C-alpha cells in the first residue's frame, strides 16, 4: 500500500469514462484535492470533451491482442493490462461508480491489497430485487451480488432511500453511508432577469422521469388562461408518446422540444427559466432517481423546483421554502403549484434565493468532494492490509 504520508492514490472504476449522462464522474475526478486519481475503464468516451490524463481504457488499444483483451474484460471483468497497473500503482483505495462497476473492481481488490468503496446512484440497487436482474446485461451483477455485499468495505448511497434499500438487500448497516453528489455553484450573486413565463424539464425520455405528468400539468395551467412556454431538454423512446399527448392536450405550440443539449448549454438555459419541473416516478422495473443533479443545478441558479416525493428529491427541495413537493403521478398537484409560481413573482424570487442558499450550504461540489475524501480516509485507516 502507498505510504500514508503525502497524497494518497485511488483507482477509480468507471465502465465507460465518460458518458454525457455521467458528467458527475468527470467532475469528481477533477475536484479531488487530497487523492491522486487513476481511472480504469472498459471504454474511453468523449475524450475531447472530457480530457483527463490518467485513464486506462481498453478500447484505446487497437491491436489484435488489445481487441481480444477488450472482449475478455467485457465478459469476465479480467484485464491483464489493468492487473499490471494495479500491481504497479501502489493504490491506497479502489472506488467504483454504480453497482455493476463494483463487480469489475472486485476482480482487482485482492491484487491491490486495498479496500473498496462503491457509490450507488439509483437503478443499481433495485435491479437486484426486481425482475430486471433476469436481463442478460445484469446476470453477472446479480450472480456476484452476494460476494459484492460481503467484500465491499463501504457503500455510499446518493440518497437516504437508496441507503435503506442497500440495507434491505443485505449490505451491513454499519458499512452503509449517505453521500450526496454536489454541483458547481455559478459565480452569480443575484437572481437573473426573467420573464415569468418559462418552465423547464430536463432528462432522458424514460418512464422514471415522469414527463407525462409534467406535460399534463402544464396543459392544465394553460387551460387556466396563463401564458407560458415549456422547454423540454432531452430525447428517448417515449418521444412519440409525448408528442401525441401534446396534440391531445392541444398545447403543441407552447412546448419546445430542444433535443439533447451540451451540459454547458443546459446550464445557460437555466438562467432564463422561472420554474423547473421534476416529476420523477418509480418505473415499473424499479428504476428510480437518487439525487437529481438537474434539480440542484437549477436551484443553484435561483430556479424554484417543483419535484415529486421520490428518491432523493425531498433532500434537495424544501417544501414551501425552496420549491414544492408533490406525490408521484399527480399532475393536478404539479399544476396547482406551477400556477401559483407563475402568478407570483415575489414568491418565485423568495424561493429562488432560498434554493440558491441551500445549494451553497449543502451541495457545493468542493464541499461534497471533501466529504467523499473523508470517507476515503476513514476506510483506508480502518482497512489497512
Protein backbone atom coordinates (compact mmCIF):
# COMPACT_ATOMS: atom_id res chain seq x y z
CA UNK A 1 0.00 0.00 0.00
CA UNK A 2 1.14 3.54 -0.63
CA UNK A 3 2.78 5.41 2.19
CA UNK A 4 0.35 7.12 4.50
CA UNK A 5 2.27 10.38 4.39
CA UNK A 6 1.72 12.63 1.38
CA UNK A 7 -1.04 12.28 -1.17
CA UNK A 8 -2.93 9.02 -1.31
CA UNK A 9 -3.87 7.23 -4.51
CA UNK A 10 -7.25 5.92 -5.62
CA UNK A 11 -8.01 3.58 -8.51
CA UNK A 12 -11.43 4.65 -9.78
CA UNK A 13 -13.50 2.16 -11.79
CA UNK A 14 -15.95 3.64 -14.29
CA UNK A 15 -17.11 1.26 -17.01
CA UNK A 16 -17.49 4.00 -19.63
CA UNK A 17 -15.48 7.16 -18.96
CA UNK A 18 -17.30 9.44 -19.63
CA UNK A 19 -20.88 9.23 -20.89
CA UNK A 20 -22.71 12.54 -21.30
CA UNK A 21 -25.26 11.37 -18.74
CA UNK A 22 -22.48 10.78 -16.18
CA UNK A 23 -20.59 14.05 -16.17
CA UNK A 24 -20.66 13.89 -12.36
CA UNK A 25 -17.97 11.19 -12.56
CA UNK A 26 -15.77 13.53 -14.58
CA UNK A 27 -16.39 16.42 -12.19
CA UNK A 28 -15.48 14.17 -9.29
CA UNK A 29 -12.06 13.15 -10.61
CA UNK A 30 -11.24 16.79 -11.40
CA UNK A 31 -12.18 18.09 -7.95
CA UNK A 32 -10.27 15.60 -5.83
CA UNK A 33 -7.93 17.63 -3.63
CA UNK A 34 -6.02 15.14 -1.48
CA UNK A 35 -6.13 11.99 -3.61
CA UNK A 36 -4.41 11.29 -6.90
CA UNK A 37 -6.80 9.53 -9.26
CA UNK A 38 -6.27 6.95 -11.98
CA UNK A 39 -9.34 5.79 -13.89
CA UNK A 40 -9.79 2.18 -15.03
CA UNK A 41 -12.43 1.77 -17.72
CA UNK A 42 -13.66 -0.53 -20.44
CA UNK A 43 -14.32 2.30 -22.87
CA UNK A 44 -12.90 5.81 -23.13
CA UNK A 45 -15.68 8.05 -24.46
CA UNK A 46 -15.89 11.73 -25.45
CA UNK A 47 -12.21 12.29 -24.69
CA UNK A 48 -12.02 15.67 -26.41
CA UNK A 49 -14.94 16.94 -24.34
CA UNK A 50 -13.78 15.38 -21.07
CA UNK A 51 -9.97 15.40 -21.05
CA UNK A 52 -8.19 13.58 -18.22
CA UNK A 53 -4.68 12.21 -18.45
CA UNK A 54 -4.69 9.20 -16.16
CA UNK A 55 -7.25 6.94 -17.82
CA UNK A 56 -6.54 3.28 -18.53
CA UNK A 57 -9.10 2.39 -21.21
CA UNK A 58 -9.08 -0.92 -23.06
CA UNK A 59 -10.72 0.41 -26.24
CA UNK A 60 -7.67 2.61 -26.75
CA UNK A 61 -5.58 -0.42 -27.82
CA UNK A 62 -6.50 -1.23 -31.42
CA UNK A 63 -4.13 -4.17 -31.87
CA UNK A 64 -5.45 -7.71 -32.25
CA UNK A 65 -4.41 -8.55 -28.70
CA UNK A 66 -5.92 -5.30 -27.50
CA UNK A 67 -9.25 -6.10 -29.07
CA UNK A 68 -9.15 -9.60 -27.55
CA UNK A 69 -8.45 -8.11 -24.11
CA UNK A 70 -11.32 -5.65 -24.55
CA UNK A 71 -13.69 -8.54 -25.32
CA UNK A 72 -12.37 -10.60 -22.42
CA UNK A 73 -12.83 -7.75 -19.94
CA UNK A 74 -16.43 -7.24 -21.05
CA UNK A 75 -17.22 -10.91 -20.45
CA UNK A 76 -15.06 -11.83 -17.46
CA UNK A 77 -14.03 -8.43 -15.92
CA UNK A 78 -10.40 -9.56 -16.18
CA UNK A 79 -7.77 -7.48 -17.95
CA UNK A 80 -4.03 -8.26 -17.84
CA UNK A 81 -3.30 -4.56 -18.54
CA UNK A 82 -5.45 -3.39 -15.64
CA UNK A 83 -3.96 -6.04 -13.36
CA UNK A 84 -0.40 -4.96 -14.18
CA UNK A 85 -1.21 -1.33 -13.47
CA UNK A 86 -2.98 -2.21 -10.23
CA UNK A 87 0.12 -4.14 -9.11
CA UNK A 88 2.39 -1.25 -10.10
CA UNK A 89 0.21 1.59 -8.89
CA UNK A 90 0.55 1.11 -5.14
CA UNK A 91 -3.04 2.31 -4.60
CA UNK A 92 -4.48 3.05 -1.18
CA UNK A 93 -8.06 2.55 -2.26
CA UNK A 94 -10.37 1.31 -5.03
CA UNK A 95 -13.56 3.27 -5.75
CA UNK A 96 -16.27 2.17 -8.18
CA UNK A 97 -19.29 4.02 -9.51
CA UNK A 98 -22.59 2.09 -9.83
CA UNK A 99 -23.30 -1.41 -8.58
CA UNK A 100 -22.29 -3.19 -11.80
CA UNK A 101 -19.00 -1.30 -11.69
CA UNK A 102 -18.31 -2.87 -8.30
CA UNK A 103 -18.07 -6.29 -9.96
CA UNK A 104 -15.22 -5.06 -12.15
CA UNK A 105 -13.42 -3.55 -9.16
CA UNK A 106 -13.81 -6.72 -7.07
CA UNK A 107 -11.61 -8.56 -9.55
CA UNK A 108 -8.66 -6.34 -8.57
CA UNK A 109 -9.30 -5.81 -4.86
CA UNK A 110 -7.02 -8.64 -3.70
CA UNK A 111 -4.28 -7.69 -6.15
CA UNK A 112 -4.36 -4.10 -4.91
CA UNK A 113 -4.40 -5.21 -1.26
CA UNK A 114 -6.63 -2.19 -0.72
CA UNK A 115 -10.21 -1.55 0.42
CA UNK A 116 -13.10 -0.95 -1.97
CA UNK A 117 -15.76 1.76 -1.78
CA UNK A 118 -18.75 1.74 -4.15
CA UNK A 119 -21.09 4.65 -4.88
CA UNK A 120 -24.67 3.72 -5.81
CA UNK A 121 -26.76 6.10 -7.87
CA UNK A 122 -30.30 4.77 -8.40
CA UNK A 123 -31.13 1.89 -10.73
CA UNK A 124 -28.23 -0.24 -9.46
CA UNK A 125 -29.88 -1.21 -6.15
CA UNK A 126 -33.50 -2.04 -7.14
CA UNK A 127 -32.24 -4.05 -10.11
CA UNK A 128 -31.13 -6.71 -7.60
CA UNK A 129 -34.64 -7.31 -6.24
CA UNK A 130 -36.79 -6.72 -9.32
CA UNK A 131 -37.28 -8.74 -12.50
CA UNK A 132 -34.56 -6.65 -14.14
CA UNK A 133 -31.99 -8.95 -12.54
CA UNK A 134 -33.00 -11.63 -15.07
CA UNK A 135 -31.93 -9.47 -18.01
CA UNK A 136 -28.69 -10.78 -19.58
CA UNK A 137 -26.88 -7.48 -19.04
CA UNK A 138 -27.40 -7.80 -15.27
CA UNK A 139 -26.79 -11.55 -14.81
CA UNK A 140 -23.18 -11.14 -13.72
CA UNK A 141 -24.05 -8.32 -11.32
CA UNK A 142 -26.87 -10.37 -9.79
CA UNK A 143 -24.87 -13.63 -9.56
CA UNK A 144 -21.95 -11.90 -7.85
CA UNK A 145 -24.02 -9.56 -5.71
CA UNK A 146 -23.66 -11.74 -2.61
CA UNK A 147 -19.87 -11.57 -2.87
CA UNK A 148 -20.13 -7.85 -3.54
CA UNK A 149 -22.23 -7.25 -0.42
CA UNK A 150 -19.70 -9.21 1.65
CA UNK A 151 -16.49 -7.74 0.26
CA UNK A 152 -17.20 -4.04 -0.28
CA UNK A 153 -15.73 -2.05 2.59
CA UNK A 154 -18.10 0.93 2.38
CA UNK A 155 -21.32 1.56 0.49
CA UNK A 156 -22.06 5.18 -0.44
CA UNK A 157 -25.68 5.85 -1.36
CA UNK A 158 -26.71 9.01 -3.19
CA UNK A 159 -29.91 9.34 -1.11
CA UNK A 160 -31.44 8.19 2.17
CA UNK A 161 -33.89 5.97 0.29
CA UNK A 162 -31.09 4.24 -1.58
CA UNK A 163 -29.22 3.63 1.68
CA UNK A 164 -32.30 1.95 3.15
CA UNK A 165 -32.65 -0.24 0.04
CA UNK A 166 -29.00 -1.30 0.27
CA UNK A 167 -29.55 -2.46 3.83
CA UNK A 168 -32.71 -4.30 2.82
CA UNK A 169 -30.83 -6.33 0.19
CA UNK A 170 -28.13 -7.34 2.65
CA UNK A 171 -25.47 -4.63 2.93
CA UNK A 172 -24.19 -4.44 6.53
CA UNK A 173 -25.82 -1.33 8.06
CA UNK A 174 -22.54 -0.22 9.64
CA UNK A 175 -20.97 -0.02 6.17
CA UNK A 176 -23.77 1.98 4.51
CA UNK A 177 -23.43 5.76 4.39
CA UNK A 178 -25.23 8.55 2.53
CA UNK A 179 -23.02 10.68 0.31
CA UNK A 180 -24.76 13.15 -1.98
CA UNK A 181 -23.37 14.44 -5.24
CA UNK A 182 -22.52 18.11 -5.45
CA UNK A 183 -22.70 20.65 -8.25
CA UNK A 184 -20.64 23.63 -9.30
CA UNK A 185 -22.12 26.82 -7.85
CA UNK A 186 -22.04 29.51 -10.56
CA UNK A 187 -20.48 32.85 -9.74
CA UNK A 188 -23.68 34.88 -9.84
CA UNK A 189 -24.82 36.78 -6.78
CA UNK A 190 -28.34 37.76 -7.75
CA UNK A 191 -31.40 36.39 -9.46
CA UNK A 192 -31.17 36.95 -13.25
CA UNK A 193 -33.84 38.93 -15.08
CA UNK A 194 -36.64 36.61 -16.16
CA UNK A 195 -39.98 36.86 -17.94
CA UNK A 196 -42.05 34.80 -15.50
CA UNK A 197 -43.33 32.59 -18.33
CA UNK A 198 -40.62 29.96 -18.90
CA UNK A 199 -40.76 26.44 -17.49
CA UNK A 200 -38.21 23.66 -17.93
CA UNK A 201 -37.92 19.87 -17.83
CA UNK A 202 -34.59 18.11 -18.41
CA UNK A 203 -33.82 14.42 -18.79
CA UNK A 204 -33.96 11.29 -20.87
CA UNK A 205 -37.41 10.39 -22.16
CA UNK A 206 -37.80 7.33 -19.97
CA UNK A 207 -40.53 6.19 -17.61
CA UNK A 208 -38.82 7.20 -14.36
CA UNK A 209 -38.55 10.85 -15.43
CA UNK A 210 -42.36 11.13 -15.31
CA UNK A 211 -42.52 13.78 -18.04
CA UNK A 212 -46.04 12.72 -18.95
CA UNK A 213 -47.24 14.24 -15.66
CA UNK A 214 -45.29 17.42 -16.24
CA UNK A 215 -46.85 17.83 -19.68
CA UNK A 216 -50.35 17.23 -18.34
CA UNK A 217 -49.77 19.72 -15.53
CA UNK A 218 -48.53 22.32 -18.00
CA UNK A 219 -51.61 21.76 -20.16
CA UNK A 220 -53.80 22.31 -17.11
CA UNK A 221 -52.03 25.61 -16.36
CA UNK A 222 -52.55 26.84 -19.93
CA UNK A 223 -56.22 25.84 -19.70
CA UNK A 224 -56.49 28.21 -16.74
CA UNK A 225 -55.59 31.07 -19.05
CA UNK A 226 -51.97 31.55 -18.02
CA UNK A 227 -49.40 32.31 -20.69
CA UNK A 228 -46.22 30.22 -20.51
CA UNK A 229 -43.78 28.14 -22.54
CA UNK A 230 -42.41 24.75 -21.54
CA UNK A 231 -38.88 23.95 -22.69
CA UNK A 232 -38.03 20.23 -22.72
CA UNK A 233 -34.39 19.14 -22.97
CA UNK A 234 -33.66 15.52 -23.83
CA UNK A 235 -34.80 12.69 -26.05
CA UNK A 236 -35.61 9.00 -25.91
CA UNK A 237 -38.00 6.20 -26.71
CA UNK A 238 -41.05 7.93 -25.21
CA UNK A 239 -40.90 10.95 -27.50
CA UNK A 240 -43.71 9.71 -29.83
CA UNK A 241 -45.95 9.26 -26.79
CA UNK A 242 -45.17 12.78 -25.58
CA UNK A 243 -45.83 14.30 -28.99
CA UNK A 244 -49.18 12.50 -29.17
CA UNK A 245 -50.04 13.82 -25.71
CA UNK A 246 -49.28 17.39 -26.79
CA UNK A 247 -51.72 17.03 -29.67
CA UNK A 248 -54.34 15.57 -27.36
CA UNK A 249 -53.94 18.49 -24.96
CA UNK A 250 -53.70 20.99 -27.84
CA UNK A 251 -50.55 22.60 -26.47
CA UNK A 252 -48.04 21.71 -29.20
CA UNK A 253 -47.29 25.36 -29.92
CA UNK A 254 -46.46 26.02 -26.26
CA UNK A 255 -43.97 23.19 -25.76
CA UNK A 256 -40.48 23.31 -27.26
CA UNK A 257 -38.59 20.03 -27.61
CA UNK A 258 -34.95 21.12 -27.64
CA UNK A 259 -33.37 17.69 -28.03
CA UNK A 260 -30.15 16.62 -26.36
CA UNK A 261 -28.04 19.64 -25.45
CA UNK A 262 -24.49 20.09 -24.22
CA UNK A 263 -24.30 20.35 -20.46
CA UNK A 264 -23.00 23.90 -20.50
CA UNK A 265 -25.83 24.93 -22.82
CA UNK A 266 -28.40 23.47 -20.42
CA UNK A 267 -26.86 25.43 -17.56
CA UNK A 268 -27.00 28.59 -19.64
CA UNK A 269 -30.65 27.92 -20.50
CA UNK A 270 -31.48 27.60 -16.81
CA UNK A 271 -30.54 31.21 -16.23
CA UNK A 272 -33.62 32.32 -18.17
CA UNK A 273 -36.02 29.77 -16.67
CA UNK A 274 -38.55 30.51 -13.94
CA UNK A 275 -39.51 27.01 -12.78
CA UNK A 276 -38.01 23.53 -13.12
CA UNK A 277 -40.48 20.65 -13.13
CA UNK A 278 -39.03 17.33 -11.89
CA UNK A 279 -41.97 14.87 -11.96
CA UNK A 280 -39.94 11.66 -11.40
CA UNK A 281 -41.64 8.35 -10.55
CA UNK A 282 -40.56 4.82 -9.70
CA UNK A 283 -40.59 2.92 -13.00
CA UNK A 284 -42.25 -0.48 -13.35
CA UNK A 285 -38.82 -2.12 -13.35
CA UNK A 286 -37.90 -0.40 -10.07
CA UNK A 287 -35.63 2.22 -11.62
CA UNK A 288 -35.64 5.50 -9.70
CA UNK A 289 -33.76 8.72 -9.12
CA UNK A 290 -31.38 9.23 -6.24
CA UNK A 291 -30.06 12.77 -6.06
CA UNK A 292 -31.36 14.60 -9.13
CA UNK A 293 -28.46 16.74 -10.36
CA UNK A 294 -30.58 18.88 -12.67
CA UNK A 295 -32.68 19.97 -9.68
CA UNK A 296 -29.52 21.01 -7.83
CA UNK A 297 -28.12 22.83 -10.84
CA UNK A 298 -31.36 24.73 -11.35
CA UNK A 299 -31.62 25.65 -7.67
CA UNK A 300 -28.03 26.92 -7.75
CA UNK A 301 -29.23 29.36 -10.44
CA UNK A 302 -32.12 30.71 -8.34
CA UNK A 303 -34.74 28.50 -10.03
CA UNK A 304 -37.66 27.17 -7.98
CA UNK A 305 -38.19 23.42 -8.36
CA UNK A 306 -41.44 21.50 -8.32
CA UNK A 307 -40.47 17.89 -7.64
CA UNK A 308 -42.07 14.66 -6.57
CA UNK A 309 -41.76 12.94 -3.21
CA UNK A 310 -39.43 10.47 -4.86
CA UNK A 311 -35.91 9.18 -4.26
CA UNK A 312 -33.57 11.94 -3.15
CA UNK A 313 -35.68 14.85 -4.43
CA UNK A 314 -37.11 15.66 -0.94
CA UNK A 315 -33.49 16.05 0.22
CA UNK A 316 -32.95 18.70 -2.48
CA UNK A 317 -36.25 20.60 -2.30
CA UNK A 318 -37.58 22.02 0.97
CA UNK A 319 -41.36 22.09 0.54
CA UNK A 320 -42.81 25.61 0.52
CA UNK A 321 -39.34 27.05 1.17
CA UNK A 322 -37.15 26.45 -1.89
CA UNK A 323 -39.86 24.87 -4.04
CA UNK A 324 -42.73 22.41 -3.81
CA UNK A 325 -43.06 18.64 -3.40
CA UNK A 326 -45.98 16.60 -4.73
CA UNK A 327 -46.90 12.91 -4.74
CA UNK A 328 -45.76 10.82 -7.69
CA UNK A 329 -48.14 10.58 -10.69
CA UNK A 330 -50.06 13.68 -9.54
CA UNK A 331 -50.30 16.10 -12.46
CA UNK A 332 -53.02 18.12 -10.76
CA UNK A 333 -50.81 18.90 -7.75
CA UNK A 334 -47.97 19.94 -10.06
CA UNK A 335 -50.36 22.23 -11.93
CA UNK A 336 -51.56 23.85 -8.69
CA UNK A 337 -48.06 24.83 -7.61
CA UNK A 338 -46.92 25.73 -11.12
CA UNK A 339 -49.80 28.17 -11.50
CA UNK A 340 -49.01 29.63 -8.08
CA UNK A 341 -45.40 30.26 -9.03
CA UNK A 342 -46.16 31.70 -12.45
CA UNK A 343 -48.66 34.14 -10.95
CA UNK A 344 -46.45 35.33 -8.10
CA UNK A 345 -43.10 36.94 -8.99
CA UNK A 346 -42.31 37.67 -5.35
CA UNK A 347 -42.79 34.01 -4.43
CA UNK A 348 -40.50 32.91 -7.27
CA UNK A 349 -37.87 35.39 -6.12
CA UNK A 350 -38.07 34.38 -2.48
CA UNK A 351 -37.90 30.67 -3.26
CA UNK A 352 -35.13 31.22 -5.79
CA UNK A 353 -32.89 32.89 -3.23
CA UNK A 354 -33.62 30.20 -0.66
CA UNK A 355 -32.89 27.49 -3.23
CA UNK A 356 -29.54 29.07 -4.07
CA UNK A 357 -28.67 29.40 -0.39
CA UNK A 358 -29.45 25.72 0.22
CA UNK A 359 -27.21 24.64 -2.65
CA UNK A 360 -24.36 26.79 -1.36
CA UNK A 361 -24.65 25.29 2.12
CA UNK A 362 -25.33 21.65 1.28
CA UNK A 363 -24.32 20.81 -2.30
CA UNK A 364 -21.24 22.78 -3.33
CA UNK A 365 -19.11 20.28 -5.24
CA UNK A 366 -15.89 21.17 -3.45
CA UNK A 367 -17.50 20.54 -0.07
CA UNK A 368 -19.02 17.28 -1.31
CA UNK A 369 -15.68 16.02 -2.64
CA UNK A 370 -14.08 16.96 0.67
CA UNK A 371 -16.73 14.80 2.38
CA UNK A 372 -16.01 11.97 -0.08
CA UNK A 373 -12.31 12.13 0.72
CA UNK A 374 -13.16 11.92 4.42
CA UNK A 375 -14.95 8.63 3.65
CA UNK A 376 -11.82 7.54 1.79
CA UNK A 377 -9.60 8.43 4.77
CA UNK A 378 -11.78 6.54 7.23
CA UNK A 379 -11.83 3.38 5.15
CA UNK A 380 -8.10 3.46 4.40
CA UNK A 381 -7.29 3.86 8.10
CA UNK A 382 -9.65 1.08 9.20
CA UNK A 383 -8.84 -1.41 6.45
CA UNK A 384 -5.06 -1.47 6.25
CA UNK A 385 -3.88 -4.60 4.52
